[in-house]
């Protein structure tokens, strides 16, 4: 008798048992769901984004950031979380997801979070900005990225500086 097929829900449960946000099991599951890139994976990720726990919302956001075929359905969920979430790690993950999806429609949310009090959130904004500025780059977004180059947190300032340098190099080529 063949083994039972592993369901998306089974994968989600396995990932939730890995309590490390950078854990290998968790990211293996996210990678598997990215490869599937099916409606069921999107629906489960969206369900997680409305979860009661930070771990659920964090996993949902991390999955959504990998589901490019569903970007039109994903952006409203992520933008809602960007405006309503209190947890800094979830906001950080929302920003990283925006960067992975590289859709300029997320730019207003990224700009709004660039001034957040938590350096992790600003770091996520510095990462996302260079990917969502559009072509030609949005002026307000580029100014926000330049402002982050002088951030009090060295990691934020460094990542923003890299983003500005990459944008400058692209413009020159």
N, C-alpha and C. Protein backbone atom coordinates (compact mmCIF):
# COMPACT_ATOMS: atom_id res chain seq x y z
N UNK A 1 0.85 -1.17 0.00
CA UNK A 1 0.00 0.00 0.00
C UNK A 1 0.90 1.24 0.00
N UNK A 2 0.66 2.22 -0.90
CA UNK A 2 1.49 3.43 -0.95
C UNK A 2 1.27 4.30 0.29
N UNK A 3 2.31 5.04 0.69
CA UNK A 3 2.15 5.92 1.86
C UNK A 3 1.14 7.02 1.56
N UNK A 4 0.46 7.47 2.59
CA UNK A 4 -0.52 8.55 2.42
C UNK A 4 0.19 9.83 2.00
N UNK A 5 -0.44 10.58 1.13
CA UNK A 5 0.15 11.84 0.67
C UNK A 5 0.18 12.84 1.82
N UNK A 6 1.28 13.56 1.92
CA UNK A 6 1.41 14.59 2.95
C UNK A 6 0.59 15.80 2.49
N UNK A 7 -0.29 16.26 3.34
CA UNK A 7 -1.15 17.39 2.98
C UNK A 7 -0.47 18.71 3.33
N UNK A 8 -0.99 19.78 2.77
CA UNK A 8 -0.50 21.12 3.10
C UNK A 8 -0.66 21.37 4.59
N UNK A 9 -1.77 20.95 5.14
CA UNK A 9 -2.01 21.13 6.57
C UNK A 9 -0.97 20.38 7.40
N UNK A 10 -0.59 19.16 6.96
CA UNK A 10 0.46 18.40 7.66
C UNK A 10 1.78 19.17 7.64
N UNK A 11 2.10 19.75 6.49
CA UNK A 11 3.33 20.53 6.36
C UNK A 11 3.31 21.74 7.28
N UNK A 12 2.17 22.41 7.32
CA UNK A 12 2.02 23.60 8.19
C UNK A 12 2.23 23.20 9.65
N UNK A 13 1.62 22.12 10.06
CA UNK A 13 1.76 21.67 11.45
C UNK A 13 3.21 21.34 11.77
N UNK A 14 3.90 20.72 10.85
CA UNK A 14 5.32 20.41 11.07
C UNK A 14 6.13 21.70 11.21
N UNK A 15 5.86 22.67 10.36
CA UNK A 15 6.59 23.94 10.42
C UNK A 15 6.31 24.68 11.73
N UNK A 16 5.09 24.61 12.22
CA UNK A 16 4.75 25.30 13.47
C UNK A 16 5.44 24.67 14.67
N UNK A 17 5.86 23.41 14.55
CA UNK A 17 6.58 22.76 15.64
C UNK A 17 8.04 23.19 15.70
N UNK A 18 8.54 23.80 14.63
CA UNK A 18 9.91 24.33 14.63
C UNK A 18 9.81 25.75 15.17
N UNK A 19 10.17 25.94 16.42
CA UNK A 19 9.97 27.23 17.08
C UNK A 19 10.98 28.29 16.69
N UNK A 20 12.03 27.90 15.96
CA UNK A 20 13.04 28.85 15.50
C UNK A 20 12.56 29.47 14.17
N UNK A 21 12.36 30.81 14.12
CA UNK A 21 11.91 31.43 12.87
C UNK A 21 12.86 31.20 11.70
N UNK A 22 14.12 30.85 11.99
CA UNK A 22 15.09 30.54 10.95
C UNK A 22 15.38 29.05 10.90
N UNK A 23 14.54 28.25 11.55
CA UNK A 23 14.78 26.81 11.66
C UNK A 23 14.76 26.08 10.33
N UNK A 24 15.59 25.05 10.20
CA UNK A 24 15.69 24.32 8.93
C UNK A 24 14.40 23.60 8.53
N UNK A 25 13.70 23.01 9.48
CA UNK A 25 12.45 22.33 9.15
C UNK A 25 11.43 23.34 8.64
N UNK A 26 11.31 24.43 9.35
CA UNK A 26 10.34 25.47 8.99
C UNK A 26 10.59 25.96 7.56
N UNK A 27 11.85 26.25 7.24
CA UNK A 27 12.16 26.78 5.91
C UNK A 27 12.11 25.70 4.84
N UNK A 28 12.33 24.46 5.21
CA UNK A 28 12.15 23.37 4.25
C UNK A 28 10.67 23.28 3.85
N UNK A 29 9.79 23.39 4.83
CA UNK A 29 8.35 23.37 4.55
C UNK A 29 7.97 24.56 3.67
N UNK A 30 8.46 25.74 4.01
CA UNK A 30 8.15 26.93 3.20
C UNK A 30 8.63 26.73 1.76
N UNK A 31 9.81 26.14 1.60
CA UNK A 31 10.33 25.86 0.27
C UNK A 31 9.44 24.87 -0.48
N UNK A 32 8.96 23.85 0.21
CA UNK A 32 8.07 22.87 -0.42
C UNK A 32 6.78 23.54 -0.87
N UNK A 33 6.25 24.44 -0.04
CA UNK A 33 5.01 25.13 -0.40
C UNK A 33 5.25 26.09 -1.55
N UNK A 34 6.43 26.71 -1.59
CA UNK A 34 6.78 27.58 -2.72
C UNK A 34 6.82 26.77 -4.02
N UNK A 35 7.37 25.59 -3.95
CA UNK A 35 7.42 24.73 -5.13
C UNK A 35 6.03 24.33 -5.58
N UNK A 36 5.15 24.08 -4.64
CA UNK A 36 3.77 23.74 -4.98
C UNK A 36 3.07 24.94 -5.63
N UNK A 37 3.23 26.10 -5.00
CA UNK A 37 2.60 27.35 -5.46
C UNK A 37 1.17 27.13 -5.95
N UNK A 38 0.41 26.42 -5.12
CA UNK A 38 -0.98 26.14 -5.49
C UNK A 38 -1.95 26.92 -4.60
N UNK A 39 -3.20 26.89 -4.99
CA UNK A 39 -4.23 27.62 -4.26
C UNK A 39 -4.35 27.14 -2.82
N UNK A 40 -4.21 25.85 -2.60
CA UNK A 40 -4.32 25.32 -1.24
C UNK A 40 -3.24 25.91 -0.33
N UNK A 41 -2.02 26.03 -0.85
CA UNK A 41 -0.93 26.63 -0.06
C UNK A 41 -1.24 28.08 0.26
N UNK A 42 -1.76 28.81 -0.72
CA UNK A 42 -2.12 30.21 -0.49
C UNK A 42 -3.22 30.31 0.57
N UNK A 43 -4.24 29.49 0.45
CA UNK A 43 -5.37 29.56 1.40
C UNK A 43 -4.89 29.27 2.82
N UNK A 44 -4.02 28.27 2.97
CA UNK A 44 -3.49 27.96 4.31
C UNK A 44 -2.62 29.10 4.84
N UNK A 45 -1.82 29.71 3.97
CA UNK A 45 -1.00 30.85 4.40
C UNK A 45 -1.88 32.01 4.82
N UNK A 46 -2.92 32.27 4.07
CA UNK A 46 -3.84 33.36 4.41
C UNK A 46 -4.52 33.08 5.75
N UNK A 47 -4.91 31.83 5.97
CA UNK A 47 -5.52 31.45 7.26
C UNK A 47 -4.55 31.71 8.40
N UNK A 48 -3.29 31.34 8.20
CA UNK A 48 -2.28 31.56 9.23
C UNK A 48 -2.08 33.05 9.52
N UNK A 49 -2.16 33.89 8.51
CA UNK A 49 -1.97 35.34 8.70
C UNK A 49 -3.03 35.93 9.62
N UNK A 50 -4.15 35.26 9.75
CA UNK A 50 -5.21 35.71 10.66
C UNK A 50 -5.16 34.95 11.98
N UNK A 51 -4.09 34.21 12.20
CA UNK A 51 -3.97 33.37 13.39
C UNK A 51 -3.89 34.16 14.68
N UNK A 52 -4.15 33.47 15.76
CA UNK A 52 -4.13 34.09 17.09
C UNK A 52 -2.72 34.26 17.63
N UNK A 53 -1.78 33.45 17.15
CA UNK A 53 -0.43 33.50 17.70
C UNK A 53 0.54 34.17 16.73
N UNK A 54 1.58 34.72 17.30
CA UNK A 54 2.64 35.32 16.48
C UNK A 54 3.26 34.25 15.57
N UNK A 55 3.46 33.04 16.09
CA UNK A 55 4.07 31.96 15.30
C UNK A 55 3.24 31.65 14.06
N UNK A 56 1.92 31.64 14.20
CA UNK A 56 1.06 31.38 13.05
C UNK A 56 1.16 32.51 12.02
N UNK A 57 1.04 33.75 12.50
CA UNK A 57 1.10 34.89 11.57
C UNK A 57 2.45 34.97 10.88
N UNK A 58 3.50 34.72 11.64
CA UNK A 58 4.86 34.75 11.09
C UNK A 58 5.02 33.70 9.99
N UNK A 59 4.57 32.49 10.23
CA UNK A 59 4.66 31.44 9.22
C UNK A 59 3.81 31.79 8.00
N UNK A 60 2.60 32.28 8.22
CA UNK A 60 1.74 32.66 7.11
C UNK A 60 2.37 33.71 6.21
N UNK A 61 2.96 34.72 6.83
CA UNK A 61 3.62 35.79 6.07
C UNK A 61 4.82 35.23 5.31
N UNK A 62 5.62 34.40 5.96
CA UNK A 62 6.80 33.84 5.30
C UNK A 62 6.41 32.98 4.09
N UNK A 63 5.32 32.25 4.20
CA UNK A 63 4.84 31.46 3.06
C UNK A 63 4.34 32.39 1.95
N UNK A 64 3.54 33.37 2.33
CA UNK A 64 2.98 34.28 1.32
C UNK A 64 4.07 34.99 0.52
N UNK A 65 5.16 35.32 1.18
CA UNK A 65 6.24 36.00 0.48
C UNK A 65 6.91 35.14 -0.58
N UNK A 66 6.61 33.85 -0.58
CA UNK A 66 7.20 32.94 -1.56
C UNK A 66 6.20 32.52 -2.65
N UNK A 67 4.97 32.98 -2.56
CA UNK A 67 3.93 32.55 -3.50
C UNK A 67 3.67 33.62 -4.56
N UNK A 68 4.64 33.86 -5.41
CA UNK A 68 4.53 34.89 -6.45
C UNK A 68 3.30 34.74 -7.34
N UNK A 69 2.88 33.52 -7.68
CA UNK A 69 1.70 33.43 -8.55
C UNK A 69 0.43 34.04 -7.94
N UNK A 70 0.45 34.25 -6.63
CA UNK A 70 -0.72 34.79 -5.95
C UNK A 70 -0.52 36.22 -5.46
N UNK A 71 0.40 36.95 -6.07
CA UNK A 71 0.76 38.29 -5.59
C UNK A 71 -0.46 39.20 -5.50
N UNK A 72 -1.39 39.12 -6.45
CA UNK A 72 -2.57 39.99 -6.41
C UNK A 72 -3.46 39.69 -5.21
N UNK A 73 -3.45 38.48 -4.74
CA UNK A 73 -4.23 38.10 -3.56
C UNK A 73 -3.43 38.28 -2.28
N UNK A 74 -2.13 38.20 -2.39
CA UNK A 74 -1.25 38.29 -1.23
C UNK A 74 -1.07 39.72 -0.74
N UNK A 75 -0.88 40.66 -1.67
CA UNK A 75 -0.58 42.04 -1.27
C UNK A 75 -1.63 42.64 -0.34
N UNK A 76 -2.94 42.47 -0.58
CA UNK A 76 -3.90 43.06 0.37
C UNK A 76 -3.76 42.49 1.78
N UNK A 77 -3.47 41.20 1.89
CA UNK A 77 -3.30 40.58 3.21
C UNK A 77 -2.07 41.16 3.90
N UNK A 78 -0.96 41.23 3.16
CA UNK A 78 0.28 41.76 3.74
C UNK A 78 0.15 43.24 4.07
N UNK A 79 -0.52 44.00 3.22
CA UNK A 79 -0.69 45.43 3.50
C UNK A 79 -1.57 45.64 4.74
N UNK A 80 -2.57 44.78 4.90
CA UNK A 80 -3.40 44.85 6.11
C UNK A 80 -2.55 44.59 7.35
N UNK A 81 -1.72 43.55 7.30
CA UNK A 81 -0.86 43.25 8.43
C UNK A 81 0.14 44.38 8.69
N UNK A 82 0.67 44.97 7.62
CA UNK A 82 1.61 46.08 7.78
C UNK A 82 0.98 47.24 8.54
N UNK A 83 -0.32 47.43 8.36
CA UNK A 83 -1.02 48.54 9.01
C UNK A 83 -1.57 48.19 10.39
N UNK A 84 -1.74 46.90 10.68
CA UNK A 84 -2.46 46.54 11.91
C UNK A 84 -1.65 45.71 12.90
N UNK A 85 -0.56 45.12 12.48
CA UNK A 85 0.21 44.20 13.34
C UNK A 85 1.03 44.98 14.37
N UNK A 86 1.13 44.42 15.58
CA UNK A 86 1.93 45.03 16.64
C UNK A 86 3.29 44.36 16.83
N UNK A 87 3.41 43.10 16.45
CA UNK A 87 4.63 42.35 16.70
C UNK A 87 5.72 42.74 15.68
N UNK A 88 6.88 43.13 16.19
CA UNK A 88 7.98 43.59 15.32
C UNK A 88 8.48 42.49 14.39
N UNK A 89 8.53 41.25 14.85
CA UNK A 89 9.02 40.17 13.99
C UNK A 89 8.06 39.89 12.84
N UNK A 90 6.77 39.98 13.10
CA UNK A 90 5.79 39.79 12.03
C UNK A 90 5.92 40.94 11.03
N UNK A 91 6.07 42.17 11.53
CA UNK A 91 6.25 43.31 10.62
C UNK A 91 7.53 43.16 9.79
N UNK A 92 8.59 42.71 10.43
CA UNK A 92 9.85 42.45 9.72
C UNK A 92 9.59 41.44 8.58
N UNK A 93 8.90 40.36 8.89
CA UNK A 93 8.63 39.34 7.88
C UNK A 93 7.72 39.86 6.77
N UNK A 94 6.77 40.72 7.12
CA UNK A 94 5.93 41.35 6.10
C UNK A 94 6.80 42.13 5.12
N UNK A 95 7.74 42.88 5.65
CA UNK A 95 8.62 43.68 4.80
C UNK A 95 9.53 42.79 3.94
N UNK A 96 10.05 41.72 4.50
CA UNK A 96 10.86 40.80 3.71
C UNK A 96 10.00 40.18 2.60
N UNK A 97 8.76 39.84 2.93
CA UNK A 97 7.85 39.29 1.92
C UNK A 97 7.60 40.31 0.81
N UNK A 98 7.39 41.57 1.17
CA UNK A 98 7.24 42.61 0.15
C UNK A 98 8.46 42.63 -0.77
N UNK A 99 9.65 42.54 -0.18
CA UNK A 99 10.87 42.54 -0.97
C UNK A 99 10.93 41.34 -1.91
N UNK A 100 10.56 40.16 -1.42
CA UNK A 100 10.57 38.97 -2.27
C UNK A 100 9.57 39.08 -3.41
N UNK A 101 8.42 39.66 -3.13
CA UNK A 101 7.39 39.78 -4.16
C UNK A 101 7.71 40.89 -5.15
N UNK A 102 8.51 41.87 -4.72
CA UNK A 102 9.01 42.95 -5.58
C UNK A 102 7.91 43.65 -6.38
N UNK A 103 6.82 43.96 -5.70
CA UNK A 103 5.70 44.63 -6.36
C UNK A 103 5.59 46.06 -5.84
N UNK A 104 5.70 47.05 -6.71
CA UNK A 104 5.66 48.46 -6.29
C UNK A 104 4.37 48.86 -5.56
N UNK A 105 3.32 48.07 -5.69
CA UNK A 105 2.08 48.40 -4.97
C UNK A 105 2.25 48.33 -3.46
N UNK A 106 3.31 47.68 -3.00
CA UNK A 106 3.55 47.60 -1.55
C UNK A 106 4.34 48.80 -1.03
N UNK A 107 4.82 49.66 -1.92
CA UNK A 107 5.68 50.77 -1.52
C UNK A 107 5.09 51.65 -0.41
N UNK A 108 3.82 52.06 -0.47
CA UNK A 108 3.30 52.90 0.62
C UNK A 108 3.42 52.24 2.00
N UNK A 109 3.18 50.95 2.07
CA UNK A 109 3.30 50.24 3.35
C UNK A 109 4.75 50.21 3.81
N UNK A 110 5.66 50.01 2.88
CA UNK A 110 7.08 49.95 3.23
C UNK A 110 7.54 51.32 3.74
N UNK A 111 7.16 52.37 3.05
CA UNK A 111 7.52 53.74 3.49
C UNK A 111 6.97 54.01 4.88
N UNK A 112 5.73 53.61 5.13
CA UNK A 112 5.12 53.83 6.45
C UNK A 112 5.91 53.14 7.57
N UNK A 113 6.43 51.95 7.28
CA UNK A 113 7.14 51.19 8.32
C UNK A 113 8.61 51.57 8.44
N UNK A 114 9.13 52.33 7.50
CA UNK A 114 10.55 52.69 7.52
C UNK A 114 10.92 53.54 8.73
N UNK A 115 9.96 54.20 9.34
CA UNK A 115 10.23 55.02 10.51
C UNK A 115 9.86 54.34 11.82
N UNK A 116 9.62 53.04 11.79
CA UNK A 116 9.22 52.28 12.97
C UNK A 116 10.28 52.38 14.07
N UNK A 117 9.87 52.28 15.31
CA UNK A 117 10.77 52.38 16.44
C UNK A 117 11.69 51.19 16.62
N UNK A 118 11.35 50.05 16.07
CA UNK A 118 12.15 48.83 16.22
C UNK A 118 13.11 48.70 15.02
N UNK A 119 14.40 48.53 15.32
CA UNK A 119 15.41 48.45 14.26
C UNK A 119 15.18 47.26 13.34
N UNK A 120 14.59 46.16 13.84
CA UNK A 120 14.32 45.01 12.98
C UNK A 120 13.34 45.37 11.88
N UNK A 121 12.36 46.18 12.23
CA UNK A 121 11.36 46.60 11.24
C UNK A 121 12.01 47.54 10.23
N UNK A 122 12.82 48.48 10.69
CA UNK A 122 13.51 49.38 9.76
C UNK A 122 14.45 48.62 8.85
N UNK A 123 15.10 47.58 9.37
CA UNK A 123 15.97 46.73 8.56
C UNK A 123 15.16 46.07 7.44
N UNK A 124 14.00 45.55 7.80
CA UNK A 124 13.11 44.96 6.79
C UNK A 124 12.71 45.97 5.74
N UNK A 125 12.46 47.20 6.17
CA UNK A 125 12.09 48.26 5.22
C UNK A 125 13.26 48.57 4.30
N UNK A 126 14.47 48.63 4.86
CA UNK A 126 15.65 48.90 4.03
C UNK A 126 15.83 47.81 2.98
N UNK A 127 15.58 46.57 3.37
CA UNK A 127 15.66 45.46 2.41
C UNK A 127 14.57 45.60 1.34
N UNK A 128 13.35 45.82 1.77
CA UNK A 128 12.22 45.84 0.83
C UNK A 128 12.28 47.00 -0.15
N UNK A 129 12.68 48.16 0.33
CA UNK A 129 12.63 49.36 -0.51
C UNK A 129 13.33 49.19 -1.85
N UNK A 130 14.52 48.66 -1.85
CA UNK A 130 15.25 48.55 -3.11
C UNK A 130 14.52 47.66 -4.12
N UNK A 131 13.64 46.77 -3.65
CA UNK A 131 12.93 45.84 -4.53
C UNK A 131 11.57 46.36 -4.99
N UNK A 132 11.03 47.35 -4.29
CA UNK A 132 9.67 47.80 -4.60
C UNK A 132 9.61 49.23 -5.12
N UNK A 133 10.75 49.84 -5.38
CA UNK A 133 10.79 51.24 -5.82
C UNK A 133 10.16 51.46 -7.18
N UNK A 134 10.14 50.43 -8.00
CA UNK A 134 9.60 50.56 -9.36
C UNK A 134 10.66 51.07 -10.32
N UNK A 135 10.29 51.16 -11.59
CA UNK A 135 11.20 51.62 -12.62
C UNK A 135 10.46 52.57 -13.55
N UNK A 136 10.75 53.84 -13.53
CA UNK A 136 11.80 54.49 -12.76
C UNK A 136 11.46 54.48 -11.27
N UNK A 137 12.48 54.61 -10.43
CA UNK A 137 12.23 54.53 -8.99
C UNK A 137 11.37 55.68 -8.48
N UNK A 138 10.46 55.32 -7.59
CA UNK A 138 9.60 56.30 -6.94
C UNK A 138 10.46 57.26 -6.10
N UNK A 139 10.21 58.55 -6.26
CA UNK A 139 11.03 59.55 -5.59
C UNK A 139 10.93 59.44 -4.06
N UNK A 140 9.72 59.34 -3.54
CA UNK A 140 9.54 59.26 -2.08
C UNK A 140 10.18 58.00 -1.52
N UNK A 141 10.07 56.90 -2.25
CA UNK A 141 10.69 55.65 -1.80
C UNK A 141 12.20 55.74 -1.80
N UNK A 142 12.76 56.36 -2.82
CA UNK A 142 14.21 56.52 -2.89
C UNK A 142 14.72 57.44 -1.78
N UNK A 143 13.97 58.49 -1.48
CA UNK A 143 14.35 59.39 -0.38
C UNK A 143 14.27 58.66 0.96
N UNK A 144 13.27 57.80 1.11
CA UNK A 144 13.16 57.02 2.34
C UNK A 144 14.36 56.09 2.49
N UNK A 145 14.76 55.45 1.40
CA UNK A 145 15.92 54.58 1.43
C UNK A 145 17.18 55.38 1.78
N UNK A 146 17.32 56.55 1.21
CA UNK A 146 18.48 57.41 1.52
C UNK A 146 18.47 57.82 3.00
N UNK A 147 17.30 58.12 3.53
CA UNK A 147 17.19 58.49 4.94
C UNK A 147 17.66 57.34 5.83
N UNK A 148 17.31 56.11 5.45
CA UNK A 148 17.71 54.95 6.25
C UNK A 148 19.21 54.72 6.24
N UNK A 149 19.94 55.31 5.29
CA UNK A 149 21.41 55.15 5.28
C UNK A 149 22.05 55.82 6.48
N UNK A 150 21.34 56.71 7.14
CA UNK A 150 21.87 57.39 8.33
C UNK A 150 21.20 56.88 9.61
N UNK A 151 20.57 55.73 9.54
CA UNK A 151 19.88 55.16 10.70
C UNK A 151 20.86 54.93 11.85
N UNK A 152 20.37 55.03 13.07
CA UNK A 152 21.21 54.82 14.25
C UNK A 152 21.66 53.36 14.38
N UNK A 153 20.96 52.43 13.76
CA UNK A 153 21.35 51.03 13.78
C UNK A 153 22.25 50.75 12.57
N UNK A 154 23.45 50.26 12.84
CA UNK A 154 24.44 50.05 11.77
C UNK A 154 23.97 49.06 10.71
N UNK A 155 23.24 48.02 11.11
CA UNK A 155 22.75 47.06 10.13
C UNK A 155 21.73 47.69 9.19
N UNK A 156 20.83 48.49 9.74
CA UNK A 156 19.83 49.19 8.92
C UNK A 156 20.54 50.12 7.94
N UNK A 157 21.46 50.94 8.48
CA UNK A 157 22.18 51.91 7.64
C UNK A 157 22.99 51.19 6.55
N UNK A 158 23.61 50.09 6.91
CA UNK A 158 24.40 49.33 5.93
C UNK A 158 23.56 48.75 4.82
N UNK A 159 22.42 48.17 5.18
CA UNK A 159 21.55 47.58 4.16
C UNK A 159 20.96 48.66 3.26
N UNK A 160 20.57 49.78 3.85
CA UNK A 160 20.05 50.89 3.06
C UNK A 160 21.12 51.44 2.12
N UNK A 161 22.35 51.55 2.61
CA UNK A 161 23.45 52.03 1.77
C UNK A 161 23.68 51.10 0.58
N UNK A 162 23.60 49.80 0.83
CA UNK A 162 23.72 48.84 -0.25
C UNK A 162 22.60 49.04 -1.27
N UNK A 163 21.39 49.25 -0.78
CA UNK A 163 20.25 49.48 -1.68
C UNK A 163 20.44 50.72 -2.54
N UNK A 164 20.93 51.79 -1.94
CA UNK A 164 21.18 53.02 -2.70
C UNK A 164 22.29 52.78 -3.73
N UNK A 165 23.34 52.08 -3.31
CA UNK A 165 24.45 51.80 -4.24
C UNK A 165 23.98 50.95 -5.40
N UNK A 166 23.15 49.94 -5.13
CA UNK A 166 22.64 49.10 -6.21
C UNK A 166 21.76 49.90 -7.16
N UNK A 167 20.93 50.76 -6.60
CA UNK A 167 20.06 51.60 -7.44
C UNK A 167 20.89 52.55 -8.28
N UNK A 168 21.94 53.10 -7.72
CA UNK A 168 22.81 54.02 -8.45
C UNK A 168 23.52 53.26 -9.58
N UNK A 169 23.99 52.05 -9.28
CA UNK A 169 24.67 51.24 -10.29
C UNK A 169 23.72 50.88 -11.44
N UNK A 170 22.48 50.57 -11.11
CA UNK A 170 21.48 50.25 -12.14
C UNK A 170 21.19 51.46 -13.02
N UNK A 171 21.12 52.61 -12.39
CA UNK A 171 20.84 53.85 -13.13
C UNK A 171 21.98 54.17 -14.08
N UNK A 172 23.21 53.89 -13.64
CA UNK A 172 24.40 54.20 -14.45
C UNK A 172 24.60 53.25 -15.61
N UNK A 173 23.98 52.06 -15.54
CA UNK A 173 24.21 51.08 -16.61
C UNK A 173 23.26 51.23 -17.76
